[in-house]
Amino acid sequence: MEKFKGIEKYNGTRKYGKLIERRFFQEDKIRQAVFEVRNDSGAGKTGGNGSGHAFVSDPTASAAIREISPLRAVEIEAGKNETETIKWPEKWLAVIEATYRHYEGGIMEELLKYRYAGETYQWTCSKLHISNSTYYQMITEVQQFALACACQIGLVKVF
């Protein structure tokens, strides 16, 4: 199944709930890594050196191709002296943005904002006047919506 390399296969909600949570918490790091890769000057050549293509030095074309090509992966800092490779980072950012857009203008938007800003569930429940069970039910709903978005965009393969 080489054609699906880098795409996760769906094996149950719990595994993907944790993955989605991690991506939401890593949003700023992913966004920064994408920005850095996109704004890296890079090399302005294509082909040559036995690649099967003629050497072409066209920095404008190279920059245009680099801009429209999706990033396959970025490295982010995952902890002290640790890095994590995020495959298809722009797709993950699209999933996160779609989720925030879907829950815009309601209590869920506030819940997401507080949760991924690092506030405790106790503080969030108190601030939003909801119970712990309601809080976790809302988080589960958000994770399921984000999982559906990830499936639709091709980050998670259902079968």
N, C-alpha and C. Protein backbone atom coordinates (compact mmCIF):
# COMPACT_ATOMS: atom_id res chain seq x y z
N MET A 1 0.82 -1.19 0.00
CA MET A 1 0.00 0.00 0.00
C MET A 1 0.86 1.25 0.00
N GLU A 2 1.82 1.31 -0.86
CA GLU A 2 2.74 2.43 -0.96
C GLU A 2 2.02 3.74 -1.26
N LYS A 3 0.92 3.68 -2.02
CA LYS A 3 0.24 4.92 -2.40
C LYS A 3 -0.40 5.62 -1.20
N PHE A 4 -0.61 4.92 -0.09
CA PHE A 4 -1.18 5.54 1.09
C PHE A 4 -0.12 5.86 2.15
N LYS A 5 1.13 5.93 1.75
CA LYS A 5 2.20 6.22 2.69
C LYS A 5 1.96 7.58 3.34
N GLY A 6 2.04 7.64 4.65
CA GLY A 6 1.85 8.89 5.38
C GLY A 6 0.42 9.14 5.78
N ILE A 7 -0.49 8.27 5.35
CA ILE A 7 -1.90 8.40 5.71
C ILE A 7 -2.20 7.34 6.75
N GLU A 8 -2.77 7.77 7.85
CA GLU A 8 -3.10 6.85 8.93
C GLU A 8 -4.31 6.00 8.54
N LYS A 9 -4.37 4.76 9.00
CA LYS A 9 -5.54 3.92 8.78
C LYS A 9 -6.38 3.94 10.05
N TYR A 10 -7.68 4.16 9.88
CA TYR A 10 -8.59 4.26 11.02
C TYR A 10 -8.70 2.93 11.74
N ASN A 11 -8.40 2.94 13.05
CA ASN A 11 -8.48 1.73 13.86
C ASN A 11 -9.28 1.94 15.13
N GLY A 12 -10.07 2.97 15.19
CA GLY A 12 -10.87 3.23 16.38
C GLY A 12 -10.72 4.68 16.82
N THR A 13 -11.73 5.18 17.47
CA THR A 13 -11.80 6.58 17.83
C THR A 13 -10.78 6.97 18.89
N ARG A 14 -10.51 6.10 19.84
CA ARG A 14 -9.63 6.47 20.95
C ARG A 14 -8.23 6.86 20.48
N LYS A 15 -7.66 6.06 19.59
CA LYS A 15 -6.33 6.36 19.06
C LYS A 15 -6.32 7.72 18.38
N TYR A 16 -7.34 7.98 17.60
CA TYR A 16 -7.38 9.22 16.85
C TYR A 16 -7.78 10.40 17.71
N GLY A 17 -8.52 10.13 18.79
CA GLY A 17 -8.82 11.21 19.74
C GLY A 17 -7.54 11.79 20.31
N LYS A 18 -6.62 10.90 20.67
CA LYS A 18 -5.33 11.35 21.21
C LYS A 18 -4.50 12.08 20.16
N LEU A 19 -4.50 11.56 18.92
CA LEU A 19 -3.75 12.20 17.85
C LEU A 19 -4.31 13.58 17.55
N ILE A 20 -5.62 13.69 17.49
CA ILE A 20 -6.26 14.98 17.21
C ILE A 20 -5.98 15.96 18.34
N GLU A 21 -6.09 15.50 19.57
CA GLU A 21 -5.77 16.36 20.72
C GLU A 21 -4.35 16.90 20.61
N ARG A 22 -3.41 16.01 20.28
CA ARG A 22 -2.01 16.41 20.17
C ARG A 22 -1.85 17.48 19.09
N ARG A 23 -2.50 17.29 17.94
CA ARG A 23 -2.39 18.27 16.85
C ARG A 23 -2.98 19.62 17.24
N PHE A 24 -4.09 19.61 17.97
CA PHE A 24 -4.68 20.88 18.42
C PHE A 24 -3.74 21.59 19.39
N PHE A 25 -3.13 20.84 20.31
CA PHE A 25 -2.20 21.46 21.26
C PHE A 25 -0.93 21.94 20.54
N GLN A 26 -0.57 21.29 19.44
CA GLN A 26 0.64 21.65 18.69
C GLN A 26 0.39 22.69 17.60
N GLU A 27 -0.81 23.21 17.50
CA GLU A 27 -1.16 24.10 16.39
C GLU A 27 -0.15 25.22 16.17
N ASP A 28 0.21 25.94 17.22
CA ASP A 28 1.14 27.07 17.05
C ASP A 28 2.51 26.60 16.55
N LYS A 29 2.99 25.47 17.06
CA LYS A 29 4.28 24.95 16.62
C LYS A 29 4.23 24.51 15.16
N ILE A 30 3.13 23.87 14.76
CA ILE A 30 2.98 23.44 13.37
C ILE A 30 2.91 24.66 12.46
N ARG A 31 2.12 25.65 12.85
CA ARG A 31 1.98 26.87 12.06
C ARG A 31 3.34 27.57 11.89
N GLN A 32 4.13 27.62 12.96
CA GLN A 32 5.45 28.25 12.91
C GLN A 32 6.39 27.46 12.00
N ALA A 33 6.36 26.14 12.10
CA ALA A 33 7.22 25.29 11.25
C ALA A 33 6.86 25.45 9.78
N VAL A 34 5.58 25.49 9.47
CA VAL A 34 5.13 25.68 8.08
C VAL A 34 5.60 27.04 7.58
N PHE A 35 5.45 28.08 8.41
CA PHE A 35 5.89 29.42 8.04
C PHE A 35 7.39 29.44 7.73
N GLU A 36 8.17 28.79 8.59
CA GLU A 36 9.62 28.77 8.40
C GLU A 36 10.01 28.03 7.13
N VAL A 37 9.38 26.89 6.86
CA VAL A 37 9.70 26.13 5.65
C VAL A 37 9.28 26.92 4.41
N ARG A 38 8.10 27.51 4.44
CA ARG A 38 7.61 28.28 3.29
C ARG A 38 8.46 29.51 3.00
N ASN A 39 9.04 30.10 4.05
CA ASN A 39 9.83 31.31 3.86
C ASN A 39 11.32 31.07 3.80
N ASP A 40 11.72 29.80 3.80
CA ASP A 40 13.11 29.45 3.63
C ASP A 40 13.48 29.70 2.17
N SER A 41 14.60 30.37 1.94
CA SER A 41 14.95 30.73 0.56
C SER A 41 15.18 29.49 -0.30
N GLY A 42 15.77 28.45 0.25
CA GLY A 42 15.95 27.20 -0.49
C GLY A 42 16.86 27.36 -1.70
N ALA A 43 17.04 26.27 -2.43
CA ALA A 43 17.87 26.29 -3.62
C ALA A 43 17.02 26.64 -4.82
N GLY A 44 17.58 27.38 -5.76
CA GLY A 44 16.86 27.82 -6.94
C GLY A 44 17.22 27.02 -8.17
N LYS A 45 17.22 25.70 -8.07
CA LYS A 45 17.53 24.87 -9.24
C LYS A 45 16.63 23.65 -9.27
N THR A 46 16.44 23.16 -10.48
CA THR A 46 15.70 21.92 -10.63
C THR A 46 16.48 21.03 -11.57
N GLY A 47 16.40 19.74 -11.36
CA GLY A 47 17.06 18.78 -12.24
C GLY A 47 18.56 18.74 -12.05
N GLY A 48 19.24 18.11 -13.02
CA GLY A 48 20.70 18.00 -12.98
C GLY A 48 21.15 16.88 -12.07
N ASN A 49 22.46 16.67 -12.04
CA ASN A 49 23.09 15.68 -11.16
C ASN A 49 22.48 14.29 -11.25
N GLY A 50 22.22 13.84 -12.45
CA GLY A 50 21.72 12.48 -12.63
C GLY A 50 20.27 12.27 -12.24
N SER A 51 19.50 13.33 -12.15
CA SER A 51 18.10 13.17 -11.74
C SER A 51 17.20 12.81 -12.91
N GLY A 52 17.75 12.79 -14.12
CA GLY A 52 16.94 12.45 -15.29
C GLY A 52 16.33 13.66 -15.96
N HIS A 53 16.57 14.81 -15.38
CA HIS A 53 16.06 16.06 -15.96
C HIS A 53 17.23 17.00 -16.22
N ALA A 54 17.05 17.86 -17.19
CA ALA A 54 18.08 18.84 -17.48
C ALA A 54 18.18 19.85 -16.34
N PHE A 55 19.37 20.35 -16.11
CA PHE A 55 19.57 21.36 -15.08
C PHE A 55 18.92 22.67 -15.52
N VAL A 56 18.08 23.22 -14.68
CA VAL A 56 17.43 24.48 -14.98
C VAL A 56 17.60 25.38 -13.76
N SER A 57 18.16 26.54 -13.98
CA SER A 57 18.31 27.49 -12.89
C SER A 57 17.28 28.59 -13.10
N ASP A 58 16.13 28.40 -12.54
CA ASP A 58 15.04 29.37 -12.66
C ASP A 58 14.46 29.59 -11.27
N PRO A 59 15.03 30.53 -10.52
CA PRO A 59 14.58 30.74 -9.14
C PRO A 59 13.10 31.11 -9.04
N THR A 60 12.59 31.83 -10.01
CA THR A 60 11.18 32.23 -9.96
C THR A 60 10.28 31.00 -10.09
N ALA A 61 10.60 30.13 -11.04
CA ALA A 61 9.80 28.91 -11.22
C ALA A 61 9.93 28.01 -10.00
N SER A 62 11.14 27.89 -9.47
CA SER A 62 11.34 27.05 -8.29
C SER A 62 10.55 27.57 -7.10
N ALA A 63 10.54 28.90 -6.93
CA ALA A 63 9.79 29.49 -5.82
C ALA A 63 8.29 29.27 -6.01
N ALA A 64 7.81 29.40 -7.23
CA ALA A 64 6.38 29.19 -7.51
C ALA A 64 5.98 27.75 -7.24
N ILE A 65 6.78 26.81 -7.69
CA ILE A 65 6.49 25.39 -7.48
C ILE A 65 6.51 25.08 -5.99
N ARG A 66 7.49 25.64 -5.27
CA ARG A 66 7.59 25.40 -3.83
C ARG A 66 6.36 25.97 -3.11
N GLU A 67 5.84 27.11 -3.57
CA GLU A 67 4.69 27.74 -2.92
C GLU A 67 3.40 26.94 -3.10
N ILE A 68 3.21 26.35 -4.29
CA ILE A 68 1.95 25.64 -4.53
C ILE A 68 2.00 24.17 -4.14
N SER A 69 3.19 23.64 -3.97
CA SER A 69 3.31 22.23 -3.59
C SER A 69 3.00 22.05 -2.11
N PRO A 70 2.18 21.06 -1.77
CA PRO A 70 1.89 20.84 -0.35
C PRO A 70 3.13 20.33 0.38
N LEU A 71 3.30 20.79 1.60
CA LEU A 71 4.42 20.31 2.41
C LEU A 71 4.13 18.89 2.85
N ARG A 72 5.09 18.01 2.64
CA ARG A 72 4.90 16.62 3.02
C ARG A 72 5.12 16.42 4.53
N ALA A 73 6.03 17.17 5.10
CA ALA A 73 6.30 17.00 6.53
C ALA A 73 7.08 18.19 7.07
N VAL A 74 6.94 18.43 8.35
CA VAL A 74 7.75 19.41 9.06
C VAL A 74 8.17 18.79 10.38
N GLU A 75 9.24 19.30 10.93
CA GLU A 75 9.73 18.86 12.24
C GLU A 75 9.36 19.93 13.26
N ILE A 76 8.81 19.50 14.39
CA ILE A 76 8.53 20.44 15.48
C ILE A 76 9.18 19.92 16.75
N GLU A 77 9.38 20.83 17.67
CA GLU A 77 9.92 20.45 18.97
C GLU A 77 8.81 19.80 19.78
N ALA A 78 9.06 18.59 20.25
CA ALA A 78 8.04 17.84 20.97
C ALA A 78 8.33 17.75 22.46
N GLY A 79 9.43 18.25 22.87
CA GLY A 79 9.81 18.19 24.27
C GLY A 79 11.27 18.55 24.38
N LYS A 80 11.82 18.34 25.54
CA LYS A 80 13.22 18.66 25.75
C LYS A 80 14.08 17.71 24.93
N ASN A 81 14.83 18.23 24.01
CA ASN A 81 15.73 17.47 23.13
C ASN A 81 15.00 16.44 22.27
N GLU A 82 13.72 16.65 22.00
CA GLU A 82 12.95 15.72 21.17
C GLU A 82 12.26 16.49 20.06
N THR A 83 12.16 15.85 18.89
CA THR A 83 11.40 16.43 17.79
C THR A 83 10.37 15.42 17.31
N GLU A 84 9.35 15.94 16.66
CA GLU A 84 8.31 15.08 16.09
C GLU A 84 8.10 15.50 14.66
N THR A 85 7.95 14.54 13.78
CA THR A 85 7.66 14.82 12.38
C THR A 85 6.16 14.83 12.19
N ILE A 86 5.66 15.93 11.68
CA ILE A 86 4.23 16.05 11.39
C ILE A 86 4.06 15.89 9.88
N LYS A 87 3.39 14.83 9.47
CA LYS A 87 3.13 14.60 8.05
C LYS A 87 1.93 15.43 7.62
N TRP A 88 2.00 16.02 6.45
CA TRP A 88 0.94 16.85 5.87
C TRP A 88 0.49 17.94 6.85
N PRO A 89 1.40 18.80 7.30
CA PRO A 89 1.05 19.80 8.32
C PRO A 89 -0.03 20.78 7.88
N GLU A 90 -0.04 21.15 6.61
CA GLU A 90 -1.05 22.12 6.15
C GLU A 90 -2.45 21.51 6.16
N LYS A 91 -2.53 20.21 5.95
CA LYS A 91 -3.82 19.54 6.04
C LYS A 91 -4.29 19.53 7.49
N TRP A 92 -3.37 19.28 8.43
CA TRP A 92 -3.75 19.31 9.84
C TRP A 92 -4.22 20.70 10.25
N LEU A 93 -3.55 21.73 9.75
CA LEU A 93 -3.99 23.09 10.06
C LEU A 93 -5.37 23.36 9.47
N ALA A 94 -5.66 22.81 8.30
CA ALA A 94 -6.98 22.96 7.69
C ALA A 94 -8.05 22.27 8.54
N VAL A 95 -7.73 21.11 9.10
CA VAL A 95 -8.66 20.40 9.98
C VAL A 95 -8.94 21.24 11.22
N ILE A 96 -7.91 21.78 11.81
CA ILE A 96 -8.06 22.61 13.01
C ILE A 96 -8.90 23.85 12.71
N GLU A 97 -8.60 24.52 11.61
CA GLU A 97 -9.35 25.73 11.23
C GLU A 97 -10.81 25.40 10.94
N ALA A 98 -11.07 24.28 10.26
CA ALA A 98 -12.45 23.88 9.96
C ALA A 98 -13.21 23.59 11.25
N THR A 99 -12.54 22.99 12.21
CA THR A 99 -13.19 22.68 13.49
C THR A 99 -13.54 23.96 14.24
N TYR A 100 -12.60 24.90 14.32
CA TYR A 100 -12.88 26.17 14.98
C TYR A 100 -14.01 26.91 14.27
N ARG A 101 -14.00 26.89 12.95
CA ARG A 101 -15.04 27.57 12.17
C ARG A 101 -16.41 26.92 12.41
N HIS A 102 -16.44 25.60 12.52
CA HIS A 102 -17.70 24.88 12.73
C HIS A 102 -18.35 25.25 14.07
N TYR A 103 -17.53 25.45 15.09
CA TYR A 103 -18.06 25.73 16.43
C TYR A 103 -18.00 27.21 16.78
N GLU A 104 -17.82 28.05 15.80
CA GLU A 104 -17.70 29.49 16.00
C GLU A 104 -18.99 30.08 16.57
N GLY A 105 -18.83 30.99 17.52
CA GLY A 105 -19.96 31.74 18.03
C GLY A 105 -20.77 31.09 19.13
N GLY A 106 -20.27 30.06 19.75
CA GLY A 106 -21.02 29.41 20.81
C GLY A 106 -20.12 29.03 21.98
N ILE A 107 -20.71 28.27 22.89
CA ILE A 107 -19.97 27.85 24.07
C ILE A 107 -18.81 26.92 23.70
N MET A 108 -19.00 26.15 22.61
CA MET A 108 -17.94 25.22 22.17
C MET A 108 -16.69 25.99 21.75
N GLU A 109 -16.88 27.15 21.13
CA GLU A 109 -15.74 27.96 20.72
C GLU A 109 -14.94 28.39 21.94
N GLU A 110 -15.63 28.81 22.98
CA GLU A 110 -14.95 29.21 24.21
C GLU A 110 -14.25 28.02 24.86
N LEU A 111 -14.93 26.88 24.87
CA LEU A 111 -14.34 25.68 25.44
C LEU A 111 -13.03 25.32 24.72
N LEU A 112 -13.06 25.36 23.39
CA LEU A 112 -11.86 25.06 22.60
C LEU A 112 -10.74 26.06 22.91
N LYS A 113 -11.11 27.32 22.95
CA LYS A 113 -10.12 28.37 23.21
C LYS A 113 -9.44 28.14 24.56
N TYR A 114 -10.23 27.86 25.59
CA TYR A 114 -9.66 27.65 26.92
C TYR A 114 -8.85 26.36 27.00
N ARG A 115 -9.40 25.28 26.43
CA ARG A 115 -8.71 23.98 26.52
C ARG A 115 -7.34 24.03 25.88
N TYR A 116 -7.26 24.57 24.66
CA TYR A 116 -6.00 24.54 23.94
C TYR A 116 -5.08 25.71 24.28
N ALA A 117 -5.57 26.59 25.16
CA ALA A 117 -4.70 27.62 25.73
C ALA A 117 -4.05 27.11 27.01
N GLY A 118 -4.46 25.89 27.43
CA GLY A 118 -3.83 25.25 28.58
C GLY A 118 -4.57 25.42 29.90
N GLU A 119 -5.80 25.94 29.85
CA GLU A 119 -6.58 26.08 31.09
C GLU A 119 -7.02 24.70 31.58
N THR A 120 -7.16 24.56 32.88
CA THR A 120 -7.59 23.29 33.45
C THR A 120 -9.08 23.09 33.18
N TYR A 121 -9.50 21.84 33.23
CA TYR A 121 -10.93 21.58 32.99
C TYR A 121 -11.78 22.14 34.11
N GLN A 122 -11.25 22.15 35.34
CA GLN A 122 -12.00 22.70 36.46
C GLN A 122 -12.27 24.19 36.25
N TRP A 123 -11.24 24.92 35.86
CA TRP A 123 -11.38 26.37 35.63
C TRP A 123 -12.35 26.62 34.49
N THR A 124 -12.22 25.84 33.41
CA THR A 124 -13.09 26.01 32.24
C THR A 124 -14.54 25.72 32.59
N CYS A 125 -14.77 24.64 33.33
CA CYS A 125 -16.13 24.29 33.74
C CYS A 125 -16.75 25.40 34.58
N SER A 126 -15.95 25.94 35.48
CA SER A 126 -16.43 27.03 36.34
C SER A 126 -16.74 28.27 35.50
N LYS A 127 -15.87 28.60 34.60
CA LYS A 127 -16.03 29.80 33.76
C LYS A 127 -17.25 29.68 32.85
N LEU A 128 -17.48 28.48 32.29
CA LEU A 128 -18.58 28.27 31.35
C LEU A 128 -19.86 27.77 32.01
N HIS A 129 -19.79 27.51 33.32
CA HIS A 129 -20.95 27.02 34.08
C HIS A 129 -21.47 25.70 33.52
N ILE A 130 -20.56 24.75 33.36
CA ILE A 130 -20.93 23.41 32.88
C ILE A 130 -20.34 22.37 33.82
N SER A 131 -20.88 21.16 33.78
CA SER A 131 -20.36 20.07 34.62
C SER A 131 -19.16 19.41 33.93
N ASN A 132 -18.44 18.61 34.70
CA ASN A 132 -17.29 17.88 34.14
C ASN A 132 -17.73 16.95 33.02
N SER A 133 -18.85 16.25 33.21
CA SER A 133 -19.30 15.31 32.18
C SER A 133 -19.70 16.05 30.90
N THR A 134 -20.32 17.21 31.05
CA THR A 134 -20.66 18.01 29.86
C THR A 134 -19.40 18.46 29.15
N TYR A 135 -18.41 18.86 29.91
CA TYR A 135 -17.12 19.28 29.34
C TYR A 135 -16.53 18.17 28.48
N TYR A 136 -16.46 16.97 29.04
CA TYR A 136 -15.85 15.85 28.30
C TYR A 136 -16.71 15.39 27.13
N GLN A 137 -18.02 15.49 27.26
CA GLN A 137 -18.88 15.17 26.12
C GLN A 137 -18.65 16.16 24.98
N MET A 138 -18.47 17.42 25.32
CA MET A 138 -18.21 18.45 24.29
C MET A 138 -16.86 18.22 23.63
N ILE A 139 -15.86 17.85 24.42
CA ILE A 139 -14.53 17.56 23.86
C ILE A 139 -14.61 16.36 22.92
N THR A 140 -15.36 15.34 23.31
CA THR A 140 -15.53 14.16 22.46
C THR A 140 -16.21 14.54 21.15
N GLU A 141 -17.20 15.38 21.21
CA GLU A 141 -17.88 15.82 19.99
C GLU A 141 -16.92 16.57 19.07
N VAL A 142 -16.09 17.43 19.64
CA VAL A 142 -15.10 18.16 18.84
C VAL A 142 -14.12 17.19 18.20
N GLN A 143 -13.65 16.22 18.96
CA GLN A 143 -12.71 15.23 18.42
C GLN A 143 -13.33 14.44 17.28
N GLN A 144 -14.60 14.07 17.41
CA GLN A 144 -15.27 13.32 16.36
C GLN A 144 -15.44 14.16 15.11
N PHE A 145 -15.77 15.44 15.27
CA PHE A 145 -15.89 16.33 14.11
C PHE A 145 -14.53 16.47 13.43
N ALA A 146 -13.48 16.69 14.22
CA ALA A 146 -12.14 16.84 13.66
C ALA A 146 -11.70 15.55 12.97
N LEU A 147 -12.06 14.40 13.53
CA LEU A 147 -11.75 13.12 12.90
C LEU A 147 -12.45 12.99 11.55
N ALA A 148 -13.71 13.42 11.49
CA ALA A 148 -14.44 13.40 10.22
C ALA A 148 -13.75 14.31 9.19
N CYS A 149 -13.30 15.46 9.64
CA CYS A 149 -12.57 16.37 8.74
C CYS A 149 -11.27 15.73 8.27
N ALA A 150 -10.55 15.07 9.18
CA ALA A 150 -9.29 14.42 8.83
C ALA A 150 -9.53 13.30 7.82
N CYS A 151 -10.63 12.57 7.97
CA CYS A 151 -10.97 11.53 6.99
C CYS A 151 -11.28 12.14 5.64
N GLN A 152 -12.03 13.21 5.65
CA GLN A 152 -12.44 13.84 4.40
C GLN A 152 -11.26 14.44 3.64
N ILE A 153 -10.31 14.99 4.37
CA ILE A 153 -9.17 15.62 3.73
C ILE A 153 -8.08 14.61 3.35
N GLY A 154 -8.21 13.39 3.85
CA GLY A 154 -7.29 12.33 3.47
C GLY A 154 -6.17 12.06 4.46
N LEU A 155 -6.27 12.58 5.67
CA LEU A 155 -5.25 12.31 6.67
C LEU A 155 -5.45 10.96 7.35
N VAL A 156 -6.69 10.52 7.41
CA VAL A 156 -7.03 9.24 8.01
C VAL A 156 -7.80 8.44 6.98
N LYS A 157 -7.34 7.22 6.75
CA LYS A 157 -7.98 6.33 5.78
C LYS A 157 -8.95 5.43 6.54
N VAL A 158 -10.20 5.42 6.13
CA VAL A 158 -11.22 4.66 6.86
C VAL A 158 -11.11 3.16 6.58
N PHE A 159 -10.91 2.77 5.32
CA PHE A 159 -10.77 1.35 4.99
C PHE A 159 -9.79 1.20 3.86
